[in-house]
């Protein structure tokens, strides 16, 4: 059950606007991008922009990073984003990989176990993490770049856009000095109560679940031997979730029942009582016990001129499928390369409109999945629960269900890629097999591609089939050229700059076969830009000029908004 809501920022009244003055002290500092918010999405954006050489300033309201966990699960697509940011070696030690999901009956009996298999991204399809550790990896990663500056304790109070950029005003603490920063673009990663979204008067519409949940995070003496997977507890008397996190961290979630007082349920005494069937409360440390109300909302638009929204600032979804944070990190991967290309004058600003065109439908599909998962566990009607349990027992014999094939793939239906229906592979994520290099080393494909564009050929050298102007374009963009062959077979002769590798898993070769192509042009976010046969490879260069450097993406309605400053909670 949910309640439809619409949150709209009220425009500043004339009296308030008339009191807006110039920056308090000094001239604005200039940069390319201001990121508002330094949670995982803002930190990933800072890493990816830093990697691209983009001058970036991060403004975070809190004085120090969060020490409490919030999200706890992610997937292979997101681990691949960390790989693209050069952080996967630091991330993997803090993950629990290859986990499963179980749905339990009211008596605690497993009805179905879902263990995703066959992922083509090079990593297990389900992973658990302890969020403070994940954020530590991201923050240490951002510190690699001297052109990325992070300002903790900087609360955004206003912004003003003109034809050349955006001025952002922020204050250090409540009574500190106000400073102004001038940027070409602003990315709002400041959460569901986004200050930036409010300042831009962007509606935030959707549903609020009528059933709040109590979340209990604890540190145990040792992991629970009988809880080794993500478990949905289908008990109509009190639906719940239990989740083992890395190390000895553990989370329980319990549905708040009708008539229960939120504040009373969230006491330490009640938290201890609810988790006592699993563990002796006297032998653990309860880190957090709080009631959350879940939301499924999305901003009316994710781009407003030179201001873009990402993560929870753009969309919120319930946690039942573990895709809230993951969706935000996909946002960062999609948007960062586009911003970098526009700032480097390698792309027309209209390219930024493809960000929402691509990401919104995928987020919508993920939100439907989370709501369905929530509906499965939240029922309190025993007859409905009995029917549900019977269906889940039958689903236990269906690979589509037990292998997690129902999860939406990372693919886009329209955006900055070949729109031709003949090129069905465009808009899909290119798979990542393990490949053997000419030196005999085994490497994940993305490690050879690097952080930019890639031209991949099936037993062919892409450079050998490009006109000089096409080769000049892709080389100017720093593209990687690879020839991919079957195990034991590599292209014998390649031009300088092309590397011939063997696909040991068959993922890439299967992708070429499935789409009837000889070449794939892959964007920096690993989405296929175009596929081609031998005669059509040069068309991809023409397509880049029109789609990325041209003006095919629908231009945003850019209008200067009134200069606004207001005291609001959370930047």
Protein backbone atom coordinates (compact mmCIF):
# COMPACT_ATOMS: atom_id res chain seq x y z
CA UNK A 1 0.00 0.00 0.00
CA UNK A 2 1.35 3.43 -0.86
CA UNK A 3 0.28 7.05 -0.87
CA UNK A 4 0.76 9.22 -3.93
CA UNK A 5 2.65 12.38 -3.09
CA UNK A 6 4.01 15.39 -4.89
CA UNK A 7 6.81 17.41 -3.41
CA UNK A 8 7.34 20.79 -5.00
CA UNK A 9 9.76 23.49 -4.03
CA UNK A 10 8.01 26.79 -3.49
CA UNK A 11 9.60 29.60 -5.54
CA UNK A 12 11.23 32.33 -3.50
CA UNK A 13 8.91 35.32 -2.98
CA UNK A 14 9.83 38.77 -4.24
CA UNK A 15 10.74 40.07 -0.81
CA UNK A 16 13.22 37.26 -0.22
CA UNK A 17 14.76 37.63 -3.68
CA UNK A 18 15.17 41.38 -3.25
CA UNK A 19 17.49 40.78 -0.30
CA UNK A 20 19.94 38.66 -2.29
CA UNK A 21 23.27 40.41 -2.42
CA UNK A 22 26.71 39.71 -3.88
CA UNK A 23 29.01 37.03 -2.45
CA UNK A 24 30.06 37.88 1.07
CA UNK A 25 33.82 37.72 0.58
CA UNK A 26 36.12 37.71 -2.43
CA UNK A 27 35.67 36.76 -6.05
CA UNK A 28 34.19 33.36 -7.00
CA UNK A 29 36.58 30.46 -7.39
CA UNK A 30 36.43 28.97 -10.88
CA UNK A 31 36.18 25.27 -11.70
CA UNK A 32 34.65 22.99 -14.32
CA UNK A 33 32.15 21.07 -12.20
CA UNK A 34 30.70 21.52 -8.72
CA UNK A 35 29.34 18.34 -7.14
CA UNK A 36 26.93 18.93 -4.28
CA UNK A 37 26.96 15.96 -1.91
CA UNK A 38 29.75 13.53 -1.07
CA UNK A 39 27.91 10.31 -0.45
CA UNK A 40 28.76 7.32 -2.64
CA UNK A 41 27.23 8.79 -5.81
CA UNK A 42 28.93 12.17 -5.42
CA UNK A 43 32.21 10.45 -4.54
CA UNK A 44 31.99 8.19 -7.60
CA UNK A 45 31.27 11.21 -9.78
CA UNK A 46 34.34 12.93 -8.31
CA UNK A 47 36.49 9.88 -9.10
CA UNK A 48 35.30 9.60 -12.69
CA UNK A 49 35.62 13.32 -13.39
CA UNK A 50 39.03 13.35 -11.71
CA UNK A 51 40.11 10.44 -13.89
CA UNK A 52 39.04 12.47 -16.96
CA UNK A 53 41.12 15.47 -15.86
CA UNK A 54 38.10 17.67 -15.06
CA UNK A 55 38.59 20.33 -12.38
CA UNK A 56 36.04 19.46 -9.71
CA UNK A 57 34.96 20.92 -6.37
CA UNK A 58 32.76 18.86 -4.04
CA UNK A 59 30.60 20.64 -1.48
CA UNK A 60 29.33 18.43 1.36
CA UNK A 61 27.14 19.72 4.18
CA UNK A 62 28.36 17.24 6.81
CA UNK A 63 31.63 17.90 8.55
CA UNK A 64 32.82 14.29 8.31
CA UNK A 65 31.75 11.17 6.43
CA UNK A 66 28.88 9.02 7.68
CA UNK A 67 29.89 6.19 9.97
CA UNK A 68 26.57 4.34 9.87
CA UNK A 69 25.64 1.87 7.10
CA UNK A 70 22.64 2.50 4.87
CA UNK A 71 22.78 0.51 1.65
CA UNK A 72 24.16 -3.02 1.89
CA UNK A 73 23.91 -4.84 -1.45
CA UNK A 74 24.99 -4.26 -5.04
CA UNK A 75 25.66 -6.19 -8.25
CA UNK A 76 28.17 -6.99 -10.97
CA UNK A 77 27.26 -3.94 -13.07
CA UNK A 78 28.22 -1.61 -10.24
CA UNK A 79 31.43 -3.46 -9.42
CA UNK A 80 32.29 -2.83 -13.07
CA UNK A 81 31.79 0.92 -12.46
CA UNK A 82 34.38 0.72 -9.67
CA UNK A 83 36.64 -1.10 -12.10
CA UNK A 84 36.22 1.75 -14.60
CA UNK A 85 37.19 4.21 -11.87
CA UNK A 86 40.36 2.23 -11.15
CA UNK A 87 39.14 1.15 -7.71
CA UNK A 88 38.12 -2.47 -8.07
CA UNK A 89 41.27 -3.84 -6.43
CA UNK A 90 40.50 -1.70 -3.37
CA UNK A 91 36.79 -2.58 -3.43
CA UNK A 92 36.89 -6.37 -3.74
CA UNK A 93 38.48 -6.99 -0.29
CA UNK A 94 35.55 -5.20 1.41
CA UNK A 95 32.83 -7.14 -0.46
CA UNK A 96 31.15 -10.46 0.24
CA UNK A 97 30.79 -11.86 -3.27
CA UNK A 98 28.58 -14.48 -4.88
CA UNK A 99 25.84 -14.38 -2.26
CA UNK A 100 22.29 -15.69 -2.62
CA UNK A 101 18.80 -14.51 -1.73
CA UNK A 102 16.23 -16.66 0.07
CA UNK A 103 12.53 -16.26 0.73
CA UNK A 104 11.45 -17.90 3.98
CA UNK A 105 8.01 -19.01 5.09
CA UNK A 106 6.41 -17.88 8.33
CA UNK A 107 8.06 -20.89 10.01
CA UNK A 108 11.52 -20.03 8.68
CA UNK A 109 11.58 -22.74 6.01
CA UNK A 110 13.28 -21.78 2.71
CA UNK A 111 10.72 -21.57 -0.10
CA UNK A 112 13.09 -20.56 -2.88
CA UNK A 113 16.78 -19.70 -3.15
CA UNK A 114 17.92 -17.28 -5.83
CA UNK A 115 21.58 -17.53 -6.76
CA UNK A 116 22.26 -15.42 -9.87
CA UNK A 117 24.59 -17.14 -12.33
CA UNK A 118 25.91 -16.59 -15.82
CA UNK A 119 26.71 -12.89 -15.42
CA UNK A 120 28.63 -11.45 -18.35
CA UNK A 121 30.18 -8.51 -16.51
CA UNK A 122 33.16 -10.37 -15.10
CA UNK A 123 32.02 -10.41 -11.46
CA UNK A 124 29.49 -12.29 -9.31
CA UNK A 125 26.02 -10.87 -9.72
CA UNK A 126 25.31 -10.20 -6.04
CA UNK A 127 27.60 -8.68 -3.44
CA UNK A 128 27.18 -7.34 0.09
CA UNK A 129 29.14 -4.43 1.53
CA UNK A 130 29.45 -2.34 4.66
CA UNK A 131 28.82 1.19 3.44
CA UNK A 132 31.41 3.07 5.54
CA UNK A 133 34.09 0.84 4.00
CA UNK A 134 32.75 1.36 0.50
CA UNK A 135 32.80 5.14 1.03
CA UNK A 136 36.35 4.95 2.36
CA UNK A 137 37.44 3.33 -0.90
CA UNK A 138 35.75 6.10 -2.88
CA UNK A 139 37.17 8.92 -0.77
CA UNK A 140 40.70 7.56 -0.95
CA UNK A 141 40.21 7.23 -4.70
CA UNK A 142 39.19 10.86 -5.11
CA UNK A 143 42.28 11.91 -3.17
CA UNK A 144 44.40 10.62 -6.09
CA UNK A 145 43.52 13.71 -8.13
CA UNK A 146 44.98 17.10 -7.20
CA UNK A 147 42.37 18.82 -9.38
CA UNK A 148 39.53 17.37 -7.23
CA UNK A 149 38.86 19.41 -4.09
CA UNK A 150 36.49 18.20 -1.37
CA UNK A 151 35.04 20.72 1.09
CA UNK A 152 33.35 19.14 4.08
CA UNK A 153 31.01 21.26 6.19
CA UNK A 154 30.02 23.41 3.19
CA UNK A 155 26.26 23.97 3.08
CA UNK A 156 24.85 25.20 -0.22
CA UNK A 157 22.57 28.21 0.20
CA UNK A 158 21.96 29.39 -3.34
CA UNK A 159 22.87 29.19 -6.98
CA UNK A 160 22.45 31.33 -10.08
CA UNK A 161 22.85 30.30 -13.70
CA UNK A 162 23.68 32.54 -16.63
CA UNK A 163 24.73 31.83 -20.21
CA UNK A 164 28.29 30.87 -19.29
CA UNK A 165 27.98 28.88 -16.09
CA UNK A 166 26.58 28.57 -12.58
CA UNK A 167 27.54 30.39 -9.41
CA UNK A 168 27.08 28.35 -6.23
CA UNK A 169 27.07 29.95 -2.78
CA UNK A 170 27.99 27.82 0.21
CA UNK A 171 28.58 28.55 3.87
CA UNK A 172 30.98 26.80 6.21
CA UNK A 173 28.77 25.66 9.07
CA UNK A 174 25.88 27.75 10.36
CA UNK A 175 27.69 31.03 10.91
CA UNK A 176 30.83 30.57 8.89
CA UNK A 177 32.11 32.55 5.93
CA UNK A 178 30.06 32.38 2.76
CA UNK A 179 32.00 31.61 -0.41
CA UNK A 180 31.07 31.57 -4.09
CA UNK A 181 32.20 29.00 -6.64
CA UNK A 182 31.82 29.45 -10.38
CA UNK A 183 31.41 26.27 -12.47
CA UNK A 184 30.42 25.32 -15.97
CA UNK A 185 28.10 22.63 -14.59
CA UNK A 186 26.65 21.53 -11.25
CA UNK A 187 25.79 17.92 -10.39
CA UNK A 188 23.39 17.47 -7.47
CA UNK A 189 24.18 14.26 -5.56
CA UNK A 190 22.72 15.59 -2.33
CA UNK A 191 20.09 12.98 -1.60
CA UNK A 192 16.33 12.67 -1.45
CA UNK A 193 15.96 16.06 0.25
CA UNK A 194 18.15 17.70 -2.35
CA UNK A 195 18.89 21.36 -1.73
CA UNK A 196 19.82 21.87 -5.36
CA UNK A 197 16.61 20.28 -6.63
CA UNK A 198 14.63 22.56 -4.32
CA UNK A 199 16.51 25.65 -5.45
CA UNK A 200 15.69 24.78 -9.07
CA UNK A 201 12.01 24.29 -8.18
CA UNK A 202 11.94 20.78 -9.67
CA UNK A 203 8.97 18.64 -8.64
CA UNK A 204 9.66 15.35 -6.89
CA UNK A 205 6.65 13.09 -7.37
CA UNK A 206 5.80 9.51 -6.54
CA UNK A 207 4.67 7.26 -3.71
CA UNK A 208 5.40 6.97 -0.01
CA UNK A 209 4.87 3.52 1.46
CA UNK A 210 2.26 3.41 4.20
CA UNK A 211 4.23 0.65 5.95
CA UNK A 212 7.35 2.04 7.66
CA UNK A 213 10.13 -0.35 8.68
CA UNK A 214 12.43 -0.57 11.69
CA UNK A 215 16.09 -1.02 10.71
CA UNK A 216 18.55 -2.51 13.21
CA UNK A 217 22.29 -2.59 12.45
CA UNK A 218 24.59 -4.54 14.75
CA UNK A 219 28.15 -5.77 15.13
CA UNK A 220 28.34 -9.41 16.19
CA UNK A 221 31.04 -11.48 17.82
CA UNK A 222 31.05 -13.76 14.76
CA UNK A 223 28.91 -14.13 11.62
CA UNK A 224 25.68 -16.08 12.11
CA UNK A 225 26.27 -19.62 10.91
CA UNK A 226 22.62 -20.14 9.92
CA UNK A 227 22.16 -16.81 8.08
CA UNK A 228 24.54 -16.75 5.13
CA UNK A 229 22.24 -15.16 2.56
CA UNK A 230 19.92 -12.20 2.11
CA UNK A 231 16.64 -13.49 3.57
CA UNK A 232 13.11 -12.22 3.11
CA UNK A 233 11.00 -13.35 6.06
CA UNK A 234 7.45 -13.93 4.82
CA UNK A 235 5.82 -13.98 8.24
CA UNK A 236 2.38 -12.29 8.07
CA UNK A 237 2.62 -11.54 11.80
CA UNK A 238 5.65 -9.33 11.14
CA UNK A 239 7.38 -9.41 7.74
CA UNK A 240 11.12 -8.88 7.89
CA UNK A 241 14.52 -9.01 6.25
CA UNK A 242 17.85 -10.22 7.56
CA UNK A 243 21.12 -9.46 5.82
CA UNK A 244 24.69 -10.52 6.70
CA UNK A 245 27.20 -7.80 5.88
CA UNK A 246 30.99 -8.16 5.53
CA UNK A 247 32.96 -8.99 8.63
CA UNK A 248 30.70 -9.36 11.63
CA UNK A 249 28.18 -6.69 10.69
CA UNK A 250 24.54 -7.70 10.37
CA UNK A 251 21.25 -5.96 9.56
CA UNK A 252 17.65 -6.77 10.41
CA UNK A 253 14.59 -4.96 9.08
CA UNK A 254 11.11 -5.36 10.56
CA UNK A 255 7.82 -4.03 9.26
CA UNK A 256 6.08 -1.59 11.62
CA UNK A 257 2.59 -2.93 12.24
CA UNK A 258 -0.58 -0.81 12.09
CA UNK A 259 -1.19 0.98 15.36
CA UNK A 260 2.41 0.70 16.59
CA UNK A 261 4.07 3.88 17.79
CA UNK A 262 7.22 4.52 15.73
CA UNK A 263 9.19 6.09 18.54
CA UNK A 264 8.34 3.32 20.99
CA UNK A 265 9.19 0.55 18.52
CA UNK A 266 12.53 2.16 17.71
CA UNK A 267 13.79 1.98 21.30
CA UNK A 268 16.88 -0.06 22.09
CA UNK A 269 14.77 -2.38 24.24
CA UNK A 270 12.46 -3.27 21.34
CA UNK A 271 15.35 -3.63 18.90
CA UNK A 272 16.95 -6.16 21.26
CA UNK A 273 13.65 -8.02 21.62
CA UNK A 274 13.05 -8.31 17.87
CA UNK A 275 16.51 -9.65 17.01
CA UNK A 276 16.67 -12.06 19.97
CA UNK A 277 15.43 -15.08 17.93
CA UNK A 278 18.68 -14.88 15.95
CA UNK A 279 21.26 -13.73 18.48
CA UNK A 280 21.79 -13.03 22.17
CA UNK A 281 21.45 -9.21 22.39
CA UNK A 282 23.83 -9.14 25.36
CA UNK A 283 26.67 -10.44 23.18
CA UNK A 284 26.47 -7.90 20.38
CA UNK A 285 26.73 -4.15 19.83
CA UNK A 286 23.65 -2.52 18.33
CA UNK A 287 24.91 0.35 16.20
CA UNK A 288 21.64 1.79 14.98
CA UNK A 289 17.90 1.30 15.47
CA UNK A 290 15.67 3.64 13.49
CA UNK A 291 12.32 3.66 11.69
CA UNK A 292 12.44 4.44 7.97
CA UNK A 293 9.61 5.26 5.60
CA UNK A 294 10.41 4.11 2.08
CA UNK A 295 9.68 6.13 -1.05
CA UNK A 296 9.36 5.57 -4.78
CA UNK A 297 9.82 9.00 -6.33
CA UNK A 298 11.47 10.67 -9.30
CA UNK A 299 12.29 14.26 -10.19
CA UNK A 300 10.21 15.77 -12.99
CA UNK A 301 13.42 16.44 -14.91
CA UNK A 302 17.02 15.47 -14.27
CA UNK A 303 18.55 18.38 -16.16
CA UNK A 304 17.76 22.03 -15.63
CA UNK A 305 20.09 24.02 -17.85
CA UNK A 306 23.58 23.54 -16.47
CA UNK A 307 22.37 21.71 -13.35
CA UNK A 308 21.97 17.91 -13.36
CA UNK A 309 20.56 15.57 -10.73
CA UNK A 310 21.95 12.12 -9.92
CA UNK A 311 21.26 9.36 -7.43
CA UNK A 312 18.67 9.99 -4.73
CA UNK A 313 18.39 13.63 -5.79
CA UNK A 314 16.89 12.33 -9.06
CA UNK A 315 15.06 9.21 -7.88
CA UNK A 316 14.22 7.18 -4.80
CA UNK A 317 13.14 3.55 -4.62
CA UNK A 318 12.41 1.08 -1.80
CA UNK A 319 15.34 -1.08 -0.69
CA UNK A 320 13.86 -4.52 -1.30
CA UNK A 321 15.95 -5.34 -4.37
CA UNK A 322 19.12 -3.54 -3.27
CA UNK A 323 19.09 -1.24 -6.30
CA UNK A 324 18.78 2.29 -4.87
CA UNK A 325 22.48 3.08 -4.48
CA UNK A 326 23.35 0.87 -7.45
CA UNK A 327 21.10 2.97 -9.68
CA UNK A 328 22.82 6.13 -8.49
CA UNK A 329 26.26 4.73 -9.26
CA UNK A 330 25.05 3.81 -12.76
CA UNK A 331 23.90 7.44 -13.09
CA UNK A 332 27.41 8.62 -12.27
CA UNK A 333 28.99 6.33 -14.87
CA UNK A 334 26.54 7.45 -17.54
CA UNK A 335 26.84 11.16 -16.83
CA UNK A 336 30.53 11.60 -16.02
CA UNK A 337 31.92 10.78 -19.50
CA UNK A 338 29.32 13.01 -21.13
CA UNK A 339 30.19 15.96 -18.91
CA UNK A 340 33.88 15.39 -19.55
CA UNK A 341 33.30 15.28 -23.32
CA UNK A 342 31.28 18.51 -23.29
CA UNK A 343 33.84 20.33 -21.15
CA UNK A 344 36.65 19.14 -23.44
CA UNK A 345 34.67 20.38 -26.49
CA UNK A 346 34.51 16.82 -27.81
CA UNK A 347 30.70 16.89 -27.61
CA UNK A 348 27.81 19.29 -28.03
CA UNK A 349 26.04 20.23 -24.76
CA UNK A 350 22.89 18.58 -26.13
CA UNK A 351 24.62 15.25 -25.39
CA UNK A 352 23.70 15.85 -21.73
CA UNK A 353 20.02 15.39 -22.56
CA UNK A 354 20.73 11.75 -23.39
CA UNK A 355 21.57 11.19 -19.69
CA UNK A 356 17.95 11.32 -18.57
CA UNK A 357 16.70 9.75 -21.82
CA UNK A 358 18.81 6.69 -21.08
CA UNK A 359 18.76 6.42 -17.33
CA UNK A 360 15.13 7.24 -16.43
CA UNK A 361 13.53 4.19 -18.15
CA UNK A 362 16.10 1.85 -16.58
CA UNK A 363 15.50 3.34 -13.13
CA UNK A 364 11.75 2.95 -13.69
CA UNK A 365 12.22 -0.75 -14.45
CA UNK A 366 14.35 -1.19 -11.34
CA UNK A 367 11.76 0.62 -9.22
CA UNK A 368 9.07 -1.76 -10.47
CA UNK A 369 11.27 -4.69 -9.45
CA UNK A 370 11.79 -3.29 -5.94
CA UNK A 371 8.10 -2.59 -5.49
CA UNK A 372 7.22 -6.10 -6.61
CA UNK A 373 9.76 -7.55 -4.18
CA UNK A 374 8.33 -5.41 -1.41
CA UNK A 375 4.78 -6.50 -2.18
CA UNK A 376 5.87 -10.14 -1.96
CA UNK A 377 7.25 -9.78 1.56
CA UNK A 378 4.89 -7.18 3.05
CA UNK A 379 1.58 -9.05 2.86
CA UNK A 380 -0.07 -9.61 6.24
CA UNK A 381 -3.10 -11.53 5.00
CA UNK A 382 -2.59 -15.21 5.76
CA UNK A 383 -4.58 -16.50 2.80
CA UNK A 384 -2.59 -14.31 0.44
CA UNK A 385 0.65 -15.45 2.11
CA UNK A 386 -0.38 -19.10 1.66
CA UNK A 387 -0.93 -18.59 -2.08
CA UNK A 388 2.34 -16.67 -2.34
CA UNK A 389 4.27 -19.44 -0.61
CA UNK A 390 2.79 -22.07 -2.94
CA UNK A 391 3.80 -20.02 -5.99
CA UNK A 392 7.31 -19.52 -4.62
CA UNK A 393 7.73 -23.26 -4.11
CA UNK A 394 6.90 -23.77 -7.79
CA UNK A 395 9.27 -20.93 -8.74
CA UNK A 396 12.05 -22.82 -6.97
CA UNK A 397 12.17 -25.12 -10.02
CA UNK A 398 12.33 -22.33 -12.63
CA UNK A 399 15.84 -21.18 -13.66
CA UNK A 400 14.39 -17.84 -14.80
CA UNK A 401 13.61 -17.19 -11.13
CA UNK A 402 16.35 -19.04 -9.27
CA UNK A 403 19.10 -17.58 -11.49
CA UNK A 404 17.80 -14.04 -11.20
CA UNK A 405 17.09 -13.60 -14.90
CA UNK A 406 14.12 -11.37 -14.07
CA UNK A 407 16.44 -8.51 -13.11
CA UNK A 408 16.44 -5.87 -15.89
CA UNK A 409 19.62 -5.83 -17.95
CA UNK A 410 21.62 -2.65 -18.34
CA UNK A 411 20.37 -1.61 -21.76
CA UNK A 412 18.86 1.57 -23.11
CA UNK A 413 16.15 1.95 -25.73
CA UNK A 414 17.05 5.45 -26.91
CA UNK A 415 19.88 7.88 -26.35
CA UNK A 416 23.40 8.62 -27.54
CA UNK A 417 23.94 5.53 -29.68
CA UNK A 418 22.99 4.14 -33.08
CA UNK A 419 19.21 4.43 -33.38
CA UNK A 420 19.01 1.99 -36.30
CA UNK A 421 16.86 -1.05 -35.58
CA UNK A 422 19.29 -3.11 -37.59
CA UNK A 423 21.86 -2.54 -34.85
CA UNK A 424 20.07 -4.29 -32.00
CA UNK A 425 23.22 -4.44 -29.88
CA UNK A 426 23.51 -0.65 -29.64
CA UNK A 427 22.38 0.60 -26.23
CA UNK A 428 23.36 -2.67 -24.50
CA UNK A 429 26.28 -3.05 -22.11
CA UNK A 430 29.13 -4.84 -23.86
CA UNK A 431 30.05 -8.00 -21.90
CA UNK A 432 33.34 -8.40 -20.09
CA UNK A 433 35.09 -11.74 -20.61
CA UNK A 434 38.47 -12.74 -19.33
CA UNK A 435 40.92 -12.45 -22.23
CA UNK A 436 44.42 -13.71 -22.89
CA UNK A 437 46.89 -11.06 -24.04
CA UNK A 438 49.74 -11.66 -26.55
CA UNK A 439 52.06 -12.00 -23.54
CA UNK A 440 49.91 -14.82 -22.17
CA UNK A 441 48.46 -12.82 -19.29
CA UNK A 442 44.81 -13.27 -18.28
CA UNK A 443 43.02 -9.94 -17.90
CA UNK A 444 39.43 -8.67 -17.63
CA UNK A 445 38.52 -7.02 -20.93
CA UNK A 446 37.82 -3.61 -19.36
CA UNK A 447 41.37 -3.44 -18.02
CA UNK A 448 42.61 -3.38 -21.60
CA UNK A 449 39.92 -0.98 -22.81
CA UNK A 450 40.79 1.63 -20.22
CA UNK A 451 38.55 4.57 -19.37
CA UNK A 452 37.67 5.80 -22.85
CA UNK A 453 36.18 4.72 -26.17
CA UNK A 454 37.00 1.35 -27.70
CA UNK A 455 36.74 -0.18 -31.17
CA UNK A 456 36.51 -3.96 -30.94
CA UNK A 457 36.73 -6.36 -33.87
CA UNK A 458 35.82 -10.02 -34.09
CA UNK A 459 39.02 -11.56 -35.48
CA UNK A 460 39.55 -8.26 -37.30
CA UNK A 461 41.74 -5.21 -36.76
CA UNK A 462 39.43 -2.17 -36.53
CA UNK A 463 42.18 0.18 -37.70
CA UNK A 464 42.59 -1.75 -40.94
CA UNK A 465 38.97 -1.07 -41.89
CA UNK A 466 38.78 2.64 -41.11
CA UNK A 467 39.16 5.55 -43.50
CA UNK A 468 41.81 8.04 -42.54
CA UNK A 469 39.27 10.59 -41.24
CA UNK A 470 37.55 7.93 -39.12
CA UNK A 471 40.82 6.75 -37.69
CA UNK A 472 41.80 10.35 -36.94
CA UNK A 473 38.54 10.91 -35.04
CA UNK A 474 38.78 7.84 -32.83
CA UNK A 475 42.50 8.31 -32.22
CA UNK A 476 41.88 11.94 -31.20
CA UNK A 477 39.44 10.62 -28.60
CA UNK A 478 42.08 8.24 -27.24
CA UNK A 479 40.18 5.15 -28.37
CA UNK A 480 41.51 1.65 -27.74
CA UNK A 481 41.67 -0.84 -30.64
CA UNK A 482 41.27 -4.55 -29.91
CA UNK A 483 40.90 -7.65 -32.05
CA UNK A 484 39.05 -10.42 -30.17
CA UNK A 485 39.47 -14.04 -31.23
CA UNK A 486 38.49 -17.44 -29.90
CA UNK A 487 40.73 -19.36 -27.47
CA UNK A 488 43.92 -20.47 -29.15
CA UNK A 489 43.40 -18.12 -32.08
CA UNK A 490 44.50 -14.50 -32.35
CA UNK A 491 44.85 -12.28 -35.38
CA UNK A 492 48.43 -12.81 -36.51
CA UNK A 493 49.12 -9.33 -37.81
CA UNK A 494 47.72 -6.07 -36.45
CA UNK A 495 48.57 -2.46 -37.06
CA UNK A 496 50.55 -0.60 -34.43
CA UNK A 497 48.20 0.31 -31.58
CA UNK A 498 45.86 -2.68 -31.97
CA UNK A 499 46.07 -5.50 -29.44
CA UNK A 500 44.89 -9.02 -30.38
CA UNK A 501 43.38 -11.04 -27.52
CA UNK A 502 41.55 -14.34 -27.00
CA UNK A 503 38.07 -14.44 -25.47
CA UNK A 504 38.33 -17.25 -22.91
CA UNK A 505 34.70 -17.07 -21.77
CA UNK A 506 33.08 -16.55 -25.14
CA UNK A 507 30.99 -13.60 -23.92
CA UNK A 508 32.26 -11.10 -26.50
CA UNK A 509 32.17 -13.57 -29.39
CA UNK A 510 28.62 -14.58 -28.48
CA UNK A 511 27.63 -10.91 -28.46
CA UNK A 512 29.05 -10.41 -31.97
CA UNK A 513 27.26 -13.55 -33.18
CA UNK A 514 23.96 -12.62 -31.59
CA UNK A 515 23.90 -9.27 -33.32
CA UNK A 516 25.46 -10.35 -36.61
CA UNK A 517 28.32 -7.84 -36.49
CA UNK A 518 32.06 -7.73 -37.05
CA UNK A 519 32.79 -4.62 -34.95
CA UNK A 520 31.50 -2.94 -31.80
CA UNK A 521 32.15 0.68 -30.87
CA UNK A 522 31.92 0.93 -27.08
CA UNK A 523 31.40 4.16 -25.11
CA UNK A 524 33.40 5.00 -21.97
CA UNK A 525 30.52 3.69 -19.83
CA UNK A 526 30.74 0.29 -21.61
CA UNK A 527 27.47 0.86 -23.51
CA UNK A 528 27.63 -0.11 -27.18
CA UNK A 529 27.50 3.00 -29.34
CA UNK A 530 27.22 1.12 -32.64
CA UNK A 531 27.87 -2.23 -34.26
CA UNK A 532 29.00 -2.69 -37.84
CA UNK A 533 30.12 -5.13 -40.50
CA UNK A 534 33.32 -4.68 -42.49
CA UNK A 535 31.74 -2.21 -44.89
CA UNK A 536 29.98 -0.12 -42.27
CA UNK A 537 32.62 0.67 -39.68
CA UNK A 538 33.21 4.21 -40.96
CA UNK A 539 29.53 5.00 -40.51
CA UNK A 540 30.16 4.98 -36.75
CA UNK A 541 32.48 7.97 -37.08
CA UNK A 542 29.79 9.86 -39.00
CA UNK A 543 27.29 8.84 -36.34
CA UNK A 544 29.55 10.20 -33.61
CA UNK A 545 29.80 13.53 -35.40
CA UNK A 546 26.03 13.83 -35.65
CA UNK A 547 24.91 12.31 -32.32
CA UNK A 548 27.69 13.48 -30.02
CA UNK A 549 29.22 16.50 -31.67
CA UNK A 550 26.06 17.47 -33.49
CA UNK A 551 22.65 18.48 -32.26
CA UNK A 552 20.53 15.37 -32.67
CA UNK A 553 19.78 14.94 -28.95
CA UNK A 554 16.86 17.19 -28.09
CA UNK A 555 18.27 20.38 -26.56
CA UNK A 556 17.25 21.26 -23.04
CA UNK A 557 15.17 24.32 -22.38
CA UNK A 558 17.84 26.48 -20.87
CA UNK A 559 16.60 29.57 -19.10
CA UNK A 560 18.29 31.62 -16.46
CA UNK A 561 16.56 31.30 -13.12
CA UNK A 562 16.38 34.12 -10.60
CA UNK A 563 19.31 34.33 -8.26
CA UNK A 564 18.22 32.53 -5.11
CA UNK A 565 19.62 31.86 -1.71
CA UNK A 566 17.81 30.27 1.15
CA UNK A 567 18.59 28.38 4.32
CA UNK A 568 17.57 24.77 3.84
CA UNK A 569 18.53 21.48 5.39
CA UNK A 570 21.09 19.31 3.66
CA UNK A 571 23.43 20.06 0.81
